[in-house]
PDB file of N, CA and C in Angstrom:
ATOM      1  N   MET A   1     131.169  79.611  61.131  1.00  0.00           N
ATOM      2  CA  MET A   1     130.076  80.322  60.404  1.00  0.00           C
ATOM      3  C   MET A   1     128.769  80.370  61.304  1.00  0.00           C
ATOM      4  N   LYS A   2     128.577  79.353  62.097  1.00  0.00           N
ATOM      5  CA  LYS A   2     127.396  79.452  62.816  1.00  0.00           C
ATOM      6  C   LYS A   2     127.336  80.416  64.120  1.00  0.00           C
ATOM      7  N   LYS A   3     128.352  80.715  64.511  1.00  0.00           N
ATOM      8  CA  LYS A   3     128.433  81.612  65.677  1.00  0.00           C
ATOM      9  C   LYS A   3     127.870  82.945  65.459  1.00  0.00           C
ATOM     10  N   PRO A   4     127.953  83.688  64.167  1.00  0.00           N
ATOM     11  CA  PRO A   4     127.233  84.903  64.141  1.00  0.00           C
ATOM     12  C   PRO A   4     125.711  84.810  64.115  1.00  0.00           C
ATOM     13  N   CYS A   5     125.247  83.719  63.633  1.00  0.00           N
ATOM     14  CA  CYS A   5     123.786  83.359  63.755  1.00  0.00           C
ATOM     15  C   CYS A   5     123.281  83.402  65.107  1.00  0.00           C
ATOM     16  N   ILE A   6     124.205  82.587  65.966  1.00  0.00           N
ATOM     17  CA  ILE A   6     123.714  82.467  67.454  1.00  0.00           C
ATOM     18  C   ILE A   6     123.815  83.820  68.195  1.00  0.00           C
ATOM     19  N   THR A   7     124.827  84.581  67.754  1.00  0.00           N
ATOM     20  CA  THR A   7     125.071  86.070  68.429  1.00  0.00           C
ATOM     21  C   THR A   7     123.889  86.886  68.108  1.00  0.00           C
ATOM     22  N   LEU A   8     123.448  86.821  66.638  1.00  0.00           N
ATOM     23  CA  LEU A   8     122.404  87.550  66.265  1.00  0.00           C
ATOM     24  C   LEU A   8     121.113  87.067  66.917  1.00  0.00           C
ATOM     25  N   ALA A   9     120.891  85.825  67.146  1.00  0.00           N
ATOM     26  CA  ALA A   9     119.671  85.355  67.772  1.00  0.00           C
ATOM     27  C   ALA A   9     119.623  85.909  69.183  1.00  0.00           C
ATOM     28  N   ILE A  10     120.779  85.801  69.853  1.00  0.00           N
ATOM     29  CA  ILE A  10     120.892  86.352  71.308  1.00  0.00           C
ATOM     30  C   ILE A  10     120.529  87.899  71.356  1.00  0.00           C
ATOM     31  N   ALA A  11     121.111  88.473  70.561  1.00  0.00           N
ATOM     32  CA  ALA A  11     121.074  89.966  70.315  1.00  0.00           C
ATOM     33  C   ALA A  11     119.475  90.224  70.158  1.00  0.00           C
ATOM     34  N   ALA A  12     118.915  89.583  69.112  1.00  0.00           N
ATOM     35  CA  ALA A  12     117.532  89.924  68.914  1.00  0.00           C
ATOM     36  C   ALA A  12     116.617  89.707  70.084  1.00  0.00           C
ATOM     37  N   ALA A  13     117.013  88.629  70.743  1.00  0.00           N
ATOM     38  CA  ALA A  13     116.157  88.210  72.026  1.00  0.00           C
ATOM     39  C   ALA A  13     116.160  89.389  72.994  1.00  0.00           C
ATOM     40  N   LEU A  14     117.551  89.844  73.328  1.00  0.00           N
ATOM     41  CA  LEU A  14     117.739  90.666  74.167  1.00  0.00           C
ATOM     42  C   LEU A  14     117.066  92.169  73.994  1.00  0.00           C
ATOM     43  N   PHE A  15     116.851  92.511  72.667  1.00  0.00           N
ATOM     44  CA  PHE A  15     116.520  93.784  72.267  1.00  0.00           C
ATOM     45  C   PHE A  15     114.888  93.610  72.095  1.00  0.00           C
ATOM     46  N   THR A  16     114.358  92.517  71.928  1.00  0.00           N
ATOM     47  CA  THR A  16     112.836  92.398  71.803  1.00  0.00           C
ATOM     48  C   THR A  16     112.275  91.935  73.181  1.00  0.00           C
ATOM     49  N   ALA A  17     113.108  91.543  74.215  1.00  0.00           N
ATOM     50  CA  ALA A  17     112.508  91.096  75.529  1.00  0.00           C
ATOM     51  C   ALA A  17     111.706  92.320  76.169  1.00  0.00           C
ATOM     52  N   PRO A  18     110.707  91.965  76.824  1.00  0.00           N
ATOM     53  CA  PRO A  18     109.702  93.170  77.330  1.00  0.00           C
ATOM     54  C   PRO A  18     110.512  93.919  78.479  1.00  0.00           C
ATOM     55  N   VAL A  19     110.312  95.157  78.602  1.00  0.00           N
ATOM     56  CA  VAL A  19     110.981  95.876  79.640  1.00  0.00           C
ATOM     57  C   VAL A  19     109.878  96.163  80.815  1.00  0.00           C
ATOM     58  N   PHE A  20     110.076  95.696  81.901  1.00  0.00           N
ATOM     59  CA  PHE A  20     109.257  96.033  83.003  1.00  0.00           C
ATOM     60  C   PHE A  20     109.515  97.255  83.793  1.00  0.00           C
ATOM     61  N   ALA A  21     108.619  98.179  84.010  1.00  0.00           N
ATOM     62  CA  ALA A  21     108.737  99.427  84.784  1.00  0.00           C
ATOM     63  C   ALA A  21     108.942  99.204  86.290  1.00  0.00           C
ATOM     64  N   ASN A  22     109.773  99.873  87.069  1.00  0.00           N
ATOM     65  CA  ASN A  22     109.579  99.871  88.447  1.00  0.00           C
ATOM     66  C   ASN A  22     108.685 100.916  88.728  1.00  0.00           C
ATOM     67  N   PRO A  23     107.510 100.355  89.453  1.00  0.00           N
ATOM     68  CA  PRO A  23     106.354 101.222  89.917  1.00  0.00           C
ATOM     69  C   PRO A  23     106.804 102.591  90.655  1.00  0.00           C
ATOM     70  N   GLN A  24     107.998 102.402  91.391  1.00  0.00           N
ATOM     71  CA  GLN A  24     108.425 103.478  92.104  1.00  0.00           C
ATOM     72  C   GLN A  24     108.990 104.667  91.169  1.00  0.00           C
ATOM     73  N   GLN A  25     109.277 104.275  89.994  1.00  0.00           N
ATOM     74  CA  GLN A  25     109.919 105.216  89.131  1.00  0.00           C
ATOM     75  C   GLN A  25     108.838 105.706  87.979  1.00  0.00           C
ATOM     76  N   MET A  26     107.617 105.192  88.109  1.00  0.00           N
ATOM     77  CA  MET A  26     106.591 105.556  87.016  1.00  0.00           C
ATOM     78  C   MET A  26     106.062 106.902  87.273  1.00  0.00           C
ATOM     79  N   ASP A  27     105.782 107.639  86.437  1.00  0.00           N
ATOM     80  CA  ASP A  27     105.108 109.044  86.515  1.00  0.00           C
ATOM     81  C   ASP A  27     103.690 108.879  86.911  1.00  0.00           C
ATOM     82  N   PRO A  28     103.152 109.291  88.126  1.00  0.00           N
ATOM     83  CA  PRO A  28     101.773 109.074  88.287  1.00  0.00           C
ATOM     84  C   PRO A  28     100.904 110.110  87.634  1.00  0.00           C
ATOM     85  N   ASN A  29     101.532 111.137  86.924  1.00  0.00           N
ATOM     86  CA  ASN A  29     100.685 111.851  86.110  1.00  0.00           C
ATOM     87  C   ASN A  29     100.484 111.519  84.621  1.00  0.00           C
ATOM     88  N   MET A  30     101.070 110.410  84.423  1.00  0.00           N
ATOM     89  CA  MET A  30     101.183 109.937  82.873  1.00  0.00           C
ATOM     90  C   MET A  30      99.644 109.488  82.671  1.00  0.00           C
ATOM     91  N   PRO A  31      99.107 109.717  81.490  1.00  0.00           N
ATOM     92  CA  PRO A  31      97.741 109.391  81.218  1.00  0.00           C
ATOM     93  C   PRO A  31      97.350 108.017  81.576  1.00  0.00           C
ATOM     94  N   GLY A  32      96.119 107.897  82.234  1.00  0.00           N
ATOM     95  CA  GLY A  32      95.810 106.451  82.652  1.00  0.00           C
ATOM     96  C   GLY A  32      96.247 106.023  83.780  1.00  0.00           C
ATOM     97  N   MET A  33      97.116 106.636  84.488  1.00  0.00           N
ATOM     98  CA  MET A  33      97.850 106.297  85.660  1.00  0.00           C
ATOM     99  C   MET A  33      97.167 106.665  87.059  1.00  0.00           C
ATOM    100  N   SER A  34      96.171 107.522  86.894  1.00  0.00           N
ATOM    101  CA  SER A  34      95.599 107.955  88.163  1.00  0.00           C
ATOM    102  C   SER A  34      95.120 106.828  89.006  1.00  0.00           C
ATOM    103  N   GLY A  35      95.466 106.842  90.181  1.00  0.00           N
ATOM    104  CA  GLY A  35      94.939 105.872  91.014  1.00  0.00           C
ATOM    105  C   GLY A  35      95.964 104.649  91.162  1.00  0.00           C
ATOM    106  N   MET A  36      96.664 104.372  90.184  1.00  0.00           N
ATOM    107  CA  MET A  36      97.441 103.278  90.094  1.00  0.00           C
ATOM    108  C   MET A  36      98.585 103.163  91.086  1.00  0.00           C
ATOM    109  N   HIS A  37      99.135 104.118  91.570  1.00  0.00           N
ATOM    110  CA  HIS A  37     100.183 104.276  92.557  1.00  0.00           C
ATOM    111  C   HIS A  37      99.677 104.080  93.957  1.00  0.00           C
ATOM    112  N   ASP A  38      98.472 104.077  94.388  1.00  0.00           N
ATOM    113  CA  ASP A  38      97.837 103.756  95.578  1.00  0.00           C
ATOM    114  C   ASP A  38      97.139 102.423  95.535  1.00  0.00           C
ATOM    115  N   THR A  39      97.997 101.428  96.170  1.00  0.00           N
ATOM    116  CA  THR A  39      97.414 100.080  96.145  1.00  0.00           C
ATOM    117  C   THR A  39      96.765  99.659  97.375  1.00  0.00           C
ATOM    118  N   LYS A  40      96.646 100.679  98.319  1.00  0.00           N
ATOM    119  CA  LYS A  40      95.871 100.214  99.565  1.00  0.00           C
ATOM    120  C   LYS A  40      94.341 100.025  99.410  1.00  0.00           C
ATOM    121  N   PRO A  41      93.877  98.938  99.831  1.00  0.00           N
ATOM    122  CA  PRO A  41      92.346  98.920  99.693  1.00  0.00           C
ATOM    123  C   PRO A  41      91.587  99.873 100.320  1.00  0.00           C
ATOM    124  N   ALA A  42      90.523 100.395  99.778  1.00  0.00           N
ATOM    125  CA  ALA A  42      89.601 101.229 100.513  1.00  0.00           C
ATOM    126  C   ALA A  42      88.659 100.616 101.492  1.00  0.00           C
ATOM    127  N   ASP A  43      88.461 101.459 102.505  1.00  0.00           N
ATOM    128  CA  ASP A  43      87.484 100.714 103.583  1.00  0.00           C
ATOM    129  C   ASP A  43      86.145 100.564 102.820  1.00  0.00           C
ATOM    130  N   ALA A  44      85.444  99.758 103.376  1.00  0.00           N
ATOM    131  CA  ALA A  44      84.039  99.210 102.789  1.00  0.00           C
ATOM    132  C   ALA A  44      82.938  99.291 103.789  1.00  0.00           C
ATOM    133  N   GLN A  45      81.779  99.514 103.368  1.00  0.00           N
ATOM    134  CA  GLN A  45      80.695  99.544 104.197  1.00  0.00           C
ATOM    135  C   GLN A  45      79.898  98.134 104.284  1.00  0.00           C
ATOM    136  N   GLY A  46      79.527  97.663 105.322  1.00  0.00           N
ATOM    137  CA  GLY A  46      78.680  96.538 105.377  1.00  0.00           C
ATOM    138  C   GLY A  46      77.516  96.720 106.380  1.00  0.00           C
ATOM    139  N   THR A  47      76.574  95.561 106.147  1.00  0.00           N
ATOM    140  CA  THR A  47      75.340  95.665 107.018  1.00  0.00           C
ATOM    141  C   THR A  47      75.259  94.117 107.390  1.00  0.00           C
ATOM    142  N   GLY A  48      74.911  93.801 108.903  1.00  0.00           N
ATOM    143  CA  GLY A  48      74.914  92.560 109.290  1.00  0.00           C
ATOM    144  C   GLY A  48      74.248  92.442 110.540  1.00  0.00           C
ATOM    145  N   THR A  49      74.484  91.269 111.178  1.00  0.00           N
ATOM    146  CA  THR A  49      73.888  90.991 112.510  1.00  0.00           C
ATOM    147  C   THR A  49      74.982  90.422 113.451  1.00  0.00           C
ATOM    148  N   VAL A  50      75.047  90.921 114.638  1.00  0.00           N
ATOM    149  CA  VAL A  50      76.121  90.622 115.645  1.00  0.00           C
ATOM    150  C   VAL A  50      75.763  89.298 116.153  1.00  0.00           C
ATOM    151  N   LYS A  51      76.714  88.337 115.845  1.00  0.00           N
ATOM    152  CA  LYS A  51      76.563  86.929 116.390  1.00  0.00           C
ATOM    153  C   LYS A  51      77.293  86.719 117.669  1.00  0.00           C
ATOM    154  N   ALA A  52      78.438  87.379 117.910  1.00  0.00           N
ATOM    155  CA  ALA A  52      79.420  87.084 119.000  1.00  0.00           C
ATOM    156  C   ALA A  52      80.279  88.464 119.255  1.00  0.00           C
ATOM    157  N   ILE A  53      80.451  88.546 120.615  1.00  0.00           N
ATOM    158  CA  ILE A  53      81.414  89.471 120.967  1.00  0.00           C
ATOM    159  C   ILE A  53      82.336  89.032 121.946  1.00  0.00           C
ATOM    160  N   ASP A  54      83.656  89.213 121.757  1.00  0.00           N
ATOM    161  CA  ASP A  54      84.647  88.680 122.674  1.00  0.00           C
ATOM    162  C   ASP A  54      85.546  89.809 123.107  1.00  0.00           C
ATOM    163  N   THR A  55      85.219  90.513 124.319  1.00  0.00           N
ATOM    164  CA  THR A  55      85.783  91.697 124.724  1.00  0.00           C
ATOM    165  C   THR A  55      87.287  91.306 125.052  1.00  0.00           C
ATOM    166  N   ALA A  56      87.529  90.224 125.571  1.00  0.00           N
ATOM    167  CA  ALA A  56      88.945  89.977 125.988  1.00  0.00           C
ATOM    168  C   ALA A  56      89.806  89.848 124.666  1.00  0.00           C
ATOM    169  N   LYS A  57      89.422  89.265 123.622  1.00  0.00           N
ATOM    170  CA  LYS A  57      90.245  89.265 122.368  1.00  0.00           C
ATOM    171  C   LYS A  57      90.090  90.538 121.430  1.00  0.00           C
ATOM    172  N   GLY A  58      88.939  91.214 121.822  1.00  0.00           N
ATOM    173  CA  GLY A  58      88.709  92.537 120.953  1.00  0.00           C
ATOM    174  C   GLY A  58      88.142  92.072 119.731  1.00  0.00           C
ATOM    175  N   THR A  59      87.209  91.000 119.582  1.00  0.00           N
ATOM    176  CA  THR A  59      86.774  90.693 118.335  1.00  0.00           C
ATOM    177  C   THR A  59      85.292  90.588 118.336  1.00  0.00           C
ATOM    178  N   ILE A  60      84.810  90.689 117.090  1.00  0.00           N
ATOM    179  CA  ILE A  60      83.183  90.743 116.850  1.00  0.00           C
ATOM    180  C   ILE A  60      82.909  89.658 115.741  1.00  0.00           C
ATOM    181  N   THR A  61      81.811  88.762 115.897  1.00  0.00           N
ATOM    182  CA  THR A  61      81.642  88.018 114.859  1.00  0.00           C
ATOM    183  C   THR A  61      80.226  88.522 114.368  1.00  0.00           C
ATOM    184  N   LEU A  62      80.372  88.803 112.883  1.00  0.00           N
ATOM    185  CA  LEU A  62      79.130  89.355 112.317  1.00  0.00           C
ATOM    186  C   LEU A  62      78.710  88.436 111.115  1.00  0.00           C
ATOM    187  N   GLN A  63      77.374  88.288 111.002  1.00  0.00           N
ATOM    188  CA  GLN A  63      76.781  87.559 109.878  1.00  0.00           C
ATOM    189  C   GLN A  63      76.340  88.710 108.866  1.00  0.00           C
ATOM    190  N   HIS A  64      77.206  88.878 107.982  1.00  0.00           N
ATOM    191  CA  HIS A  64      77.096  90.148 107.127  1.00  0.00           C
ATOM    192  C   HIS A  64      76.479  89.746 105.685  1.00  0.00           C
ATOM    193  N   GLU A  65      75.745  90.814 105.165  1.00  0.00           N
ATOM    194  CA  GLU A  65      75.429  90.588 103.807  1.00  0.00           C
ATOM    195  C   GLU A  65      76.588  90.675 102.799  1.00  0.00           C
ATOM    196  N   ALA A  66      76.346  90.526 101.567  1.00  0.00           N
ATOM    197  CA  ALA A  66      77.445  90.589 100.453  1.00  0.00           C
ATOM    198  C   ALA A  66      78.004  92.069 100.709  1.00  0.00           C
ATOM    199  N   ILE A  67      79.217  92.060 100.459  1.00  0.00           N
ATOM    200  CA  ILE A  67      79.878  93.527 100.413  1.00  0.00           C
ATOM    201  C   ILE A  67      80.577  93.453  98.980  1.00  0.00           C
ATOM    202  N   ALA A  68      79.926  94.192  97.966  1.00  0.00           N
ATOM    203  CA  ALA A  68      80.183  94.265  96.814  1.00  0.00           C
ATOM    204  C   ALA A  68      81.627  95.095  96.492  1.00  0.00           C
ATOM    205  N   ALA A  69      81.860  95.984  97.379  1.00  0.00           N
ATOM    206  CA  ALA A  69      83.036  96.744  97.234  1.00  0.00           C
ATOM    207  C   ALA A  69      84.301  95.982  97.377  1.00  0.00           C
ATOM    208  N   VAL A  70      84.269  94.978  98.075  1.00  0.00           N
ATOM    209  CA  VAL A  70      85.483  94.118  98.233  1.00  0.00           C
ATOM    210  C   VAL A  70      85.191  92.683  97.650  1.00  0.00           C
ATOM    211  N   GLY A  71      83.961  92.406  96.900  1.00  0.00           N
ATOM    212  CA  GLY A  71      83.798  91.210  96.262  1.00  0.00           C
ATOM    213  C   GLY A  71      83.488  90.069  97.287  1.00  0.00           C
ATOM    214  N   TRP A  72      82.928  90.279  98.461  1.00  0.00           N
ATOM    215  CA  TRP A  72      82.739  89.250  99.255  1.00  0.00           C
ATOM    216  C   TRP A  72      81.282  88.878  99.222  1.00  0.00           C
ATOM    217  N   PRO A  73      80.906  87.643  99.361  1.00  0.00           N
ATOM    218  CA  PRO A  73      79.461  87.101  99.289  1.00  0.00           C
ATOM    219  C   PRO A  73      79.057  87.237 100.902  1.00  0.00           C
ATOM    220  N   ALA A  74      77.872  87.056 101.112  1.00  0.00           N
ATOM    221  CA  ALA A  74      77.194  87.109 102.450  1.00  0.00           C
ATOM    222  C   ALA A  74      78.031  85.830 103.148  1.00  0.00           C
ATOM    223  N   MET A  75      78.252  86.181 104.471  1.00  0.00           N
ATOM    224  CA  MET A  75      78.978  85.005 105.198  1.00  0.00           C
ATOM    225  C   MET A  75      78.978  85.457 106.653  1.00  0.00           C
ATOM    226  N   THR A  76      79.493  84.623 107.617  1.00  0.00           N
ATOM    227  CA  THR A  76      79.636  84.899 108.956  1.00  0.00           C
ATOM    228  C   THR A  76      81.274  84.834 109.250  1.00  0.00           C
ATOM    229  N   MET A  77      81.764  86.003 109.810  1.00  0.00           N
ATOM    230  CA  MET A  77      83.073  86.103 109.852  1.00  0.00           C
ATOM    231  C   MET A  77      83.547  86.834 111.208  1.00  0.00           C
ATOM    232  N   THR A  78      84.694  86.505 111.759  1.00  0.00           N
ATOM    233  CA  THR A  78      85.119  87.265 113.038  1.00  0.00           C
ATOM    234  C   THR A  78      86.107  88.253 112.542  1.00  0.00           C
ATOM    235  N   PHE A  79      85.821  89.384 113.177  1.00  0.00           N
ATOM    236  CA  PHE A  79      86.848  90.574 112.842  1.00  0.00           C
ATOM    237  C   PHE A  79      87.457  91.100 114.202  1.00  0.00           C
ATOM    238  N   LYS A  80      88.659  91.668 114.019  1.00  0.00           N
ATOM    239  CA  LYS A  80      89.187  92.536 115.144  1.00  0.00           C
ATOM    240  C   LYS A  80      88.404  93.805 115.079  1.00  0.00           C
ATOM    241  N   ALA A  81      88.270  94.324 116.283  1.00  0.00           N
ATOM    242  CA  ALA A  81      87.653  95.752 116.445  1.00  0.00           C
ATOM    243  C   ALA A  81      88.735  96.678 116.749  1.00  0.00           C
ATOM    244  N   ASP A  82      88.761  97.813 115.959  1.00  0.00           N
ATOM    245  CA  ASP A  82      89.825  98.756 116.165  1.00  0.00           C
ATOM    246  C   ASP A  82      89.318 100.187 116.083  1.00  0.00           C
ATOM    247  N   PRO A  83      89.000 100.867 117.316  1.00  0.00           N
ATOM    248  CA  PRO A  83      89.482 100.248 118.708  1.00  0.00           C
ATOM    249  C   PRO A  83      88.566  99.361 119.212  1.00  0.00           C
ATOM    250  N   PRO A  84      89.014  98.660 120.143  1.00  0.00           N
ATOM    251  CA  PRO A  84      88.203  97.628 120.857  1.00  0.00           C
ATOM    252  C   PRO A  84      86.992  98.303 121.670  1.00  0.00           C
ATOM    253  N   ALA A  85      87.077  99.386 121.827  1.00  0.00           N
ATOM    254  CA  ALA A  85      85.939 100.205 122.557  1.00  0.00           C
ATOM    255  C   ALA A  85      84.618 100.116 121.684  1.00  0.00           C
ATOM    256  N   LEU A  86      84.665  99.888 120.416  1.00  0.00           N
ATOM    257  CA  LEU A  86      83.739  99.632 119.523  1.00  0.00           C
ATOM    258  C   LEU A  86      82.689  98.659 120.003  1.00  0.00           C
ATOM    259  N   LEU A  87      83.189  97.576 120.744  1.00  0.00           N
ATOM    260  CA  LEU A  87      82.387  96.484 120.950  1.00  0.00           C
ATOM    261  C   LEU A  87      81.439  96.933 122.111  1.00  0.00           C
ATOM    262  N   GLN A  88      81.473  98.038 122.656  1.00  0.00           N
ATOM    263  CA  GLN A  88      80.562  98.489 123.785  1.00  0.00           C
ATOM    264  C   GLN A  88      79.361  99.166 123.178  1.00  0.00           C
ATOM    265  N   LYS A  89      79.287  99.449 121.915  1.00  0.00           N
ATOM    266  CA  LYS A  89      78.234 100.010 121.328  1.00  0.00           C
ATOM    267  C   LYS A  89      77.140  99.145 120.743  1.00  0.00           C
ATOM    268  N   VAL A  90      77.555  97.839 120.685  1.00  0.00           N
ATOM    269  CA  VAL A  90      76.528  97.022 120.219  1.00  0.00           C
ATOM    270  C   VAL A  90      76.457  95.641 120.951  1.00  0.00           C
ATOM    271  N   LYS A  91      75.302  94.900 120.902  1.00  0.00           N
ATOM    272  CA  LYS A  91      75.151  93.655 121.661  1.00  0.00           C
ATOM    273  C   LYS A  91      74.765  92.555 120.701  1.00  0.00           C
ATOM    274  N   VAL A  92      75.025  91.403 121.120  1.00  0.00           N
ATOM    275  CA  VAL A  92      74.632  90.155 120.354  1.00  0.00           C
ATOM    276  C   VAL A  92      73.192  90.236 119.920  1.00  0.00           C
ATOM    277  N   GLY A  93      72.911  89.977 118.585  1.00  0.00           N
ATOM    278  CA  GLY A  93      71.599  90.090 118.006  1.00  0.00           C
ATOM    279  C   GLY A  93      71.248  91.363 117.385  1.00  0.00           C
ATOM    280  N   ASP A  94      71.978  92.444 117.730  1.00  0.00           N
ATOM    281  CA  ASP A  94      71.824  93.750 117.014  1.00  0.00           C
ATOM    282  C   ASP A  94      72.042  93.591 115.580  1.00  0.00           C
ATOM    283  N   LYS A  95      71.238  94.326 114.737  1.00  0.00           N
ATOM    284  CA  LYS A  95      71.405  94.608 113.331  1.00  0.00           C
ATOM    285  C   LYS A  95      72.343  95.762 113.216  1.00  0.00           C
ATOM    286  N   VAL A  96      73.388  95.623 112.468  1.00  0.00           N
ATOM    287  CA  VAL A  96      74.431  96.877 112.597  1.00  0.00           C
ATOM    288  C   VAL A  96      74.940  97.159 111.205  1.00  0.00           C
ATOM    289  N   GLN A  97      75.373  98.439 111.171  1.00  0.00           N
ATOM    290  CA  GLN A  97      75.902  98.947 109.965  1.00  0.00           C
ATOM    291  C   GLN A  97      77.391  99.124 110.437  1.00  0.00           C
ATOM    292  N   PHE A  98      78.568  98.733 109.567  1.00  0.00           N
ATOM    293  CA  PHE A  98      79.792  98.775 110.034  1.00  0.00           C
ATOM    294  C   PHE A  98      80.868  99.195 108.668  1.00  0.00           C
ATOM    295  N   THR A  99      82.011  99.755 109.249  1.00  0.00           N
ATOM    296  CA  THR A  99      83.025  99.990 108.259  1.00  0.00           C
ATOM    297  C   THR A  99      84.086  99.108 108.488  1.00  0.00           C
ATOM    298  N   LEU A 100      84.780  98.507 107.505  1.00  0.00           N
ATOM    299  CA  LEU A 100      85.736  97.604 107.679  1.00  0.00           C
ATOM    300  C   LEU A 100      87.050  98.063 106.821  1.00  0.00           C
ATOM    301  N   HIS A 101      88.202  97.806 107.347  1.00  0.00           N
ATOM    302  CA  HIS A 101      89.472  97.875 106.513  1.00  0.00           C
ATOM    303  C   HIS A 101      89.621  96.478 105.907  1.00  0.00           C
ATOM    304  N   PRO A 102      89.420  96.313 104.794  1.00  0.00           N
ATOM    305  CA  PRO A 102      89.602  94.885 104.239  1.00  0.00           C
ATOM    306  C   PRO A 102      91.266  94.493 104.069  1.00  0.00           C
ATOM    307  N   ALA A 103      91.362  93.106 104.678  1.00  0.00           N
ATOM    308  CA  ALA A 103      92.801  92.524 104.569  1.00  0.00           C
ATOM    309  C   ALA A 103      92.537  91.136 104.610  1.00  0.00           C
ATOM    310  N   GLY A 104      91.581  90.473 103.910  1.00  0.00           N
ATOM    311  CA  GLY A 104      91.343  89.232 103.996  1.00  0.00           C
ATOM    312  C   GLY A 104      90.927  88.862 105.251  1.00  0.00           C
ATOM    313  N   MET A 105      91.460  87.682 105.856  1.00  0.00           N
ATOM    314  CA  MET A 105      91.228  87.093 107.258  1.00  0.00           C
ATOM    315  C   MET A 105      91.599  88.164 108.283  1.00  0.00           C
ATOM    316  N   ALA A 106      92.402  89.038 107.998  1.00  0.00           N
ATOM    317  CA  ALA A 106      92.950  89.985 108.962  1.00  0.00           C
ATOM    318  C   ALA A 106      92.215  91.414 108.903  1.00  0.00           C
ATOM    319  N   SER A 107      91.027  91.318 108.229  1.00  0.00           N
ATOM    320  CA  SER A 107      90.291  92.542 108.149  1.00  0.00           C
ATOM    321  C   SER A 107      89.666  93.087 109.497  1.00  0.00           C
ATOM    322  N   THR A 108      89.636  94.278 109.596  1.00  0.00           N
ATOM    323  CA  THR A 108      89.304  94.970 110.818  1.00  0.00           C
ATOM    324  C   THR A 108      88.074  95.899 110.705  1.00  0.00           C
ATOM    325  N   VAL A 109      87.146  95.761 111.761  1.00  0.00           N
ATOM    326  CA  VAL A 109      86.000  96.651 111.846  1.00  0.00           C
ATOM    327  C   VAL A 109      86.517  98.050 112.424  1.00  0.00           C
ATOM    328  N   THR A 110      86.393  98.935 111.861  1.00  0.00           N
ATOM    329  CA  THR A 110      86.816 100.470 112.320  1.00  0.00           C
ATOM    330  C   THR A 110      85.598 101.359 112.662  1.00  0.00           C
ATOM    331  N   SER A 111      84.503 100.966 112.457  1.00  0.00           N
ATOM    332  CA  SER A 111      83.346 101.735 113.120  1.00  0.00           C
ATOM    333  C   SER A 111      82.098 100.730 112.957  1.00  0.00           C
ATOM    334  N   ILE A 112      81.098 100.879 113.956  1.00  0.00           N
ATOM    335  CA  ILE A 112      79.947 100.002 113.949  1.00  0.00           C
ATOM    336  C   ILE A 112      79.001 100.858 114.663  1.00  0.00           C
ATOM    337  N   THR A 113      77.719 100.865 113.985  1.00  0.00           N
ATOM    338  CA  THR A 113      76.566 101.470 114.903  1.00  0.00           C
ATOM    339  C   THR A 113      75.335 100.564 114.595  1.00  0.00           C
ATOM    340  N   PRO A 114      74.337 100.599 115.530  1.00  0.00           N
ATOM    341  CA  PRO A 114      73.091  99.726 115.391  1.00  0.00           C
ATOM    342  C   PRO A 114      72.544 100.281 114.029  1.00  0.00           C
ATOM    343  N   ALA A 115      71.931  99.457 113.315  1.00  0.00           N
ATOM    344  CA  ALA A 115      71.233  99.940 112.065  1.00  0.00           C
ATOM    345  C   ALA A 115      69.928 100.629 112.432  1.00  0.00           C
ATOM    346  N   GLN A 116      69.550 101.660 111.654  1.00  0.00           N
ATOM    347  CA  GLN A 116      68.392 102.382 112.014  1.00  0.00           C
ATOM    348  C   GLN A 116      67.181 101.809 111.033  1.00  0.00           C
TER     349      GLN A 116
END
């Protein structure tokens, strides 16, 4: 007599378990879903001071102000420059405005100009 209760309990658990949608099968036009299908981080703008340039490695070290768009506090960080020719536009000590593609420690500076 106990078997039907166990079977009912298992069936109830299966029918009440949450169902997770496959994001690739979700309708991007469903209300509230706009922008949800694009998970790439947007490029962000920053302002800072050039602390070092390494043309051999294609990197630039910037002491930058907080970048609210990606939730970063002010800090000093080394970035890859893409393209590396960007490094020829600035020199150590320059105050700059830059665009970066955020990817944590692999973030890349994609444009840089001396600040006006």
